Amino acid sequence: MPSTTTTYGTITSAATPISSHAKHTRRPWPELFSVSSFSLPFSAGDAKARVKLNVSYFRVNYVIIALTILFLTLLWHPTSMIVFLITFIFWWFLYLFNDNPVVVFNKTVDDNVVLGALSFATVLLLVLTHVAVNVLVGLIIAVVVIGVHAAFRGTEDLGFPGEEEENGLLSVVGSMPLRPTSGYNRI
């Protein structure tokens, strides 16, 4: 995170759309499925921006949805379900309900690395149980469901809890000051 300098009369901060803690929070399910929040995107660019923001905001919820869809594709494969449940325990403790960062060899592991490693391990272990087609179908369904939801869910009502405490009033107003400031303000 870049360093910030504050002078009298100005509020400056790094421009981060979501605080690091807010990225890793499960949002309330009614907020995810609020019918009044759905609308058609104006353009492909608007849909892309919605997907990007919604995936960041509802990251943990989307992971839970994807894991549920993947689990449902394994219902008639008991060995694969056992492997999935074992990997789900790692998902549970390392990603879904872990408020602290993962530390390996005294180094903090980025949230995206944990997500990628768990995803890769889950898919690899399930493919090794000879259910590659089920895993592929489950992942395709999950990507389509999440993509459609993220594209059609409006982003106007999304609040980012915790950002106000980190960035102060500037998180509500904007991230750039109206005019450049030197070391002092003229009166």
Protein backbone atom coordinates (compact mmCIF):
# COMPACT_ATOMS: atom_id res chain seq x y z
CA MET A 1 0.00 0.00 0.00
CA PRO A 2 1.51 3.35 -0.96
CA SER A 3 2.34 5.72 1.83
CA THR A 4 -0.07 8.54 2.45
CA THR A 5 0.70 12.07 3.49
CA THR A 6 -1.82 14.20 5.30
CA THR A 7 -1.51 17.96 5.57
CA TYR A 8 -3.73 20.33 7.48
CA GLY A 9 -7.07 20.73 5.75
CA THR A 10 -6.73 17.79 3.34
CA ILE A 11 -7.61 14.16 3.50
CA THR A 12 -5.58 11.88 1.27
CA SER A 13 -5.48 8.14 1.06
CA ALA A 14 -4.49 5.32 -1.23
CA ALA A 15 -7.15 4.57 -3.82
CA THR A 16 -8.34 1.09 -2.91
CA PRO A 17 -11.82 0.01 -3.94
CA ILE A 18 -12.12 -2.50 -1.12
CA SER A 19 -10.17 -2.84 2.08
CA SER A 20 -8.21 -6.05 2.53
CA HIS A 21 -10.49 -7.18 5.35
CA ALA A 22 -13.67 -6.31 3.44
CA LYS A 23 -12.55 -8.51 0.52
CA HIS A 24 -12.58 -11.57 2.73
CA THR A 25 -16.01 -11.25 4.34
CA ARG A 26 -19.08 -13.32 3.66
CA ARG A 27 -21.88 -10.92 2.86
CA PRO A 28 -25.46 -11.47 4.06
CA TRP A 29 -27.40 -13.76 1.69
CA PRO A 30 -30.41 -11.40 1.46
CA GLU A 31 -28.03 -8.71 0.17
CA LEU A 32 -26.74 -11.11 -2.49
CA PHE A 33 -30.23 -12.08 -3.67
CA SER A 34 -32.01 -8.73 -3.24
CA VAL A 35 -34.48 -8.70 -6.15
CA SER A 36 -34.57 -4.89 -6.26
CA SER A 37 -30.82 -4.83 -6.99
CA PHE A 38 -31.09 -6.64 -10.34
CA SER A 39 -31.16 -4.68 -13.58
CA LEU A 40 -29.95 -4.96 -17.15
CA PRO A 41 -26.46 -3.60 -17.73
CA PHE A 42 -26.30 -0.66 -20.14
CA SER A 43 -23.43 -2.07 -22.19
CA ALA A 44 -20.82 -4.80 -22.25
CA GLY A 45 -18.44 -2.47 -20.43
CA ASP A 46 -21.02 -1.91 -17.71
CA ALA A 47 -21.55 -5.68 -17.38
CA LYS A 48 -17.78 -6.21 -17.13
CA ALA A 49 -17.47 -3.53 -14.44
CA ARG A 50 -20.39 -5.06 -12.52
CA VAL A 51 -18.83 -8.53 -12.70
CA LYS A 52 -15.49 -7.21 -11.46
CA LEU A 53 -17.01 -5.32 -8.53
CA ASN A 54 -19.52 -8.01 -7.57
CA VAL A 55 -16.90 -10.78 -7.66
CA SER A 56 -14.70 -8.69 -5.37
CA TYR A 57 -17.54 -7.80 -3.03
CA PHE A 58 -19.29 -11.20 -2.87
CA ARG A 59 -16.11 -13.29 -3.19
CA VAL A 60 -16.74 -15.62 -0.25
CA ASN A 61 -20.42 -16.01 -1.14
CA TYR A 62 -19.51 -16.95 -4.71
CA VAL A 63 -16.96 -19.49 -3.46
CA ILE A 64 -19.65 -21.08 -1.29
CA ILE A 65 -22.02 -21.21 -4.28
CA ALA A 66 -19.35 -22.76 -6.51
CA LEU A 67 -18.45 -25.38 -3.88
CA THR A 68 -22.14 -26.22 -3.42
CA ILE A 69 -22.63 -26.71 -7.17
CA LEU A 70 -19.48 -28.83 -7.31
CA PHE A 71 -20.73 -30.91 -4.38
CA LEU A 72 -24.08 -31.48 -6.10
CA THR A 73 -22.33 -32.87 -9.19
CA LEU A 74 -20.68 -35.52 -6.99
CA LEU A 75 -23.81 -36.93 -5.34
CA TRP A 76 -23.56 -40.36 -6.99
CA HIS A 77 -19.81 -40.79 -6.43
CA PRO A 78 -19.17 -41.68 -2.75
CA THR A 79 -15.37 -41.73 -2.98
CA SER A 80 -15.30 -38.32 -4.62
CA MET A 81 -17.69 -36.95 -2.01
CA ILE A 82 -15.36 -38.11 0.77
CA VAL A 83 -12.39 -36.43 -0.95
CA PHE A 84 -14.48 -33.30 -1.46
CA LEU A 85 -15.53 -33.20 2.19
CA ILE A 86 -11.88 -33.52 3.27
CA THR A 87 -10.88 -30.62 1.00
CA PHE A 88 -13.90 -28.67 2.24
CA ILE A 89 -12.46 -28.86 5.76
CA PHE A 90 -9.37 -27.03 4.42
CA TRP A 91 -11.65 -24.52 2.66
CA TRP A 92 -13.48 -23.99 5.93
CA PHE A 93 -10.42 -23.35 8.09
CA LEU A 94 -8.14 -21.59 5.58
CA TYR A 95 -10.56 -19.45 3.60
CA LEU A 96 -14.28 -19.37 4.35
CA PHE A 97 -14.29 -18.66 8.07
CA ASN A 98 -10.73 -17.58 8.73
CA ASP A 99 -10.54 -13.93 9.83
CA ASN A 100 -6.76 -13.96 10.18
CA PRO A 101 -4.33 -14.13 7.27
CA VAL A 102 -2.71 -17.50 6.56
CA VAL A 103 0.93 -17.56 7.66
CA VAL A 104 3.41 -20.10 6.26
CA PHE A 105 7.06 -20.04 7.40
CA ASN A 106 6.50 -16.68 9.12
CA LYS A 107 5.26 -15.09 5.88
CA THR A 108 1.72 -13.92 5.31
CA VAL A 109 0.12 -15.60 2.31
CA ASP A 110 -2.02 -13.39 0.07
CA ASP A 111 -5.74 -14.14 0.03
CA ASN A 112 -5.68 -14.75 -3.73
CA VAL A 113 -2.89 -17.32 -3.35
CA VAL A 114 -4.89 -19.22 -0.73
CA LEU A 115 -7.96 -19.14 -3.00
CA GLY A 116 -5.94 -20.36 -6.00
CA ALA A 117 -4.15 -23.10 -4.07
CA LEU A 118 -7.36 -24.43 -2.54
CA SER A 119 -9.13 -24.34 -5.90
CA PHE A 120 -6.29 -26.15 -7.64
CA ALA A 121 -6.00 -28.78 -4.90
CA THR A 122 -9.76 -29.42 -4.89
CA VAL A 123 -9.98 -29.85 -8.66
CA LEU A 124 -6.82 -31.99 -8.79
CA LEU A 125 -7.91 -34.32 -6.00
CA LEU A 126 -11.37 -34.72 -7.50
CA VAL A 127 -9.97 -35.43 -10.96
CA LEU A 128 -7.75 -38.11 -9.41
CA THR A 129 -10.94 -39.87 -8.22
CA HIS A 130 -12.01 -40.25 -11.87
CA VAL A 131 -14.83 -37.71 -11.93
CA ALA A 132 -13.21 -35.23 -14.31
CA VAL A 133 -16.40 -34.80 -16.36
CA ASN A 134 -18.45 -34.11 -13.23
CA VAL A 135 -15.89 -31.57 -12.03
CA LEU A 136 -15.79 -29.88 -15.43
CA VAL A 137 -19.59 -29.70 -15.66
CA GLY A 138 -19.83 -28.40 -12.09
CA LEU A 139 -17.23 -25.70 -12.72
CA ILE A 140 -18.90 -24.62 -15.97
CA ILE A 141 -22.28 -24.38 -14.25
CA ALA A 142 -20.75 -22.44 -11.35
CA VAL A 143 -19.00 -19.96 -13.66
CA VAL A 144 -22.19 -19.40 -15.66
CA VAL A 145 -24.39 -18.97 -12.56
CA ILE A 146 -21.92 -16.62 -10.86
CA GLY A 147 -21.22 -14.69 -14.07
CA VAL A 148 -24.90 -14.14 -14.83
CA HIS A 149 -25.60 -13.09 -11.24
CA ALA A 150 -22.62 -10.73 -11.15
CA ALA A 151 -23.51 -9.15 -14.51
CA PHE A 152 -27.14 -8.50 -13.65
CA ARG A 153 -26.77 -7.47 -10.01
CA GLY A 154 -26.43 -3.71 -9.75
CA THR A 155 -23.54 -2.29 -7.78
CA GLU A 156 -25.06 1.04 -6.72
CA ASP A 157 -26.17 -0.21 -3.30
CA LEU A 158 -22.96 -2.01 -2.35
CA GLY A 159 -21.35 -0.63 0.75
CA PHE A 160 -17.87 -1.61 1.79
CA PRO A 161 -17.85 -2.03 5.58
CA GLY A 162 -14.58 -1.16 7.21
CA GLU A 163 -13.47 1.19 4.47
CA GLU A 164 -14.88 4.24 6.25
CA GLU A 165 -12.74 3.51 9.28
CA GLU A 166 -9.62 3.07 7.14
CA ASN A 167 -10.04 5.96 4.73
CA GLY A 168 -12.26 8.36 6.61
CA LEU A 169 -14.66 10.65 4.79
CA LEU A 170 -12.65 10.37 1.60
CA SER A 171 -13.94 6.85 1.00
CA VAL A 172 -17.41 8.34 0.57
CA VAL A 173 -16.45 11.47 -1.35
CA GLY A 174 -13.69 10.16 -3.64
CA SER A 175 -10.07 9.17 -3.64
CA MET A 176 -8.40 12.18 -5.27
CA PRO A 177 -8.22 15.68 -3.74
CA LEU A 178 -9.86 18.44 -5.75
CA ARG A 179 -6.59 20.30 -6.20
CA PRO A 180 -3.00 19.35 -5.56
CA THR A 181 -1.65 20.37 -2.21
CA SER A 182 1.78 21.40 -1.17
CA GLY A 183 2.97 21.14 2.39
CA TYR A 184 0.48 23.78 3.65
CA ASN A 185 -2.86 25.41 2.80
CA ARG A 186 -3.31 29.10 2.16
CA ILE A 187 -6.00 30.89 4.08
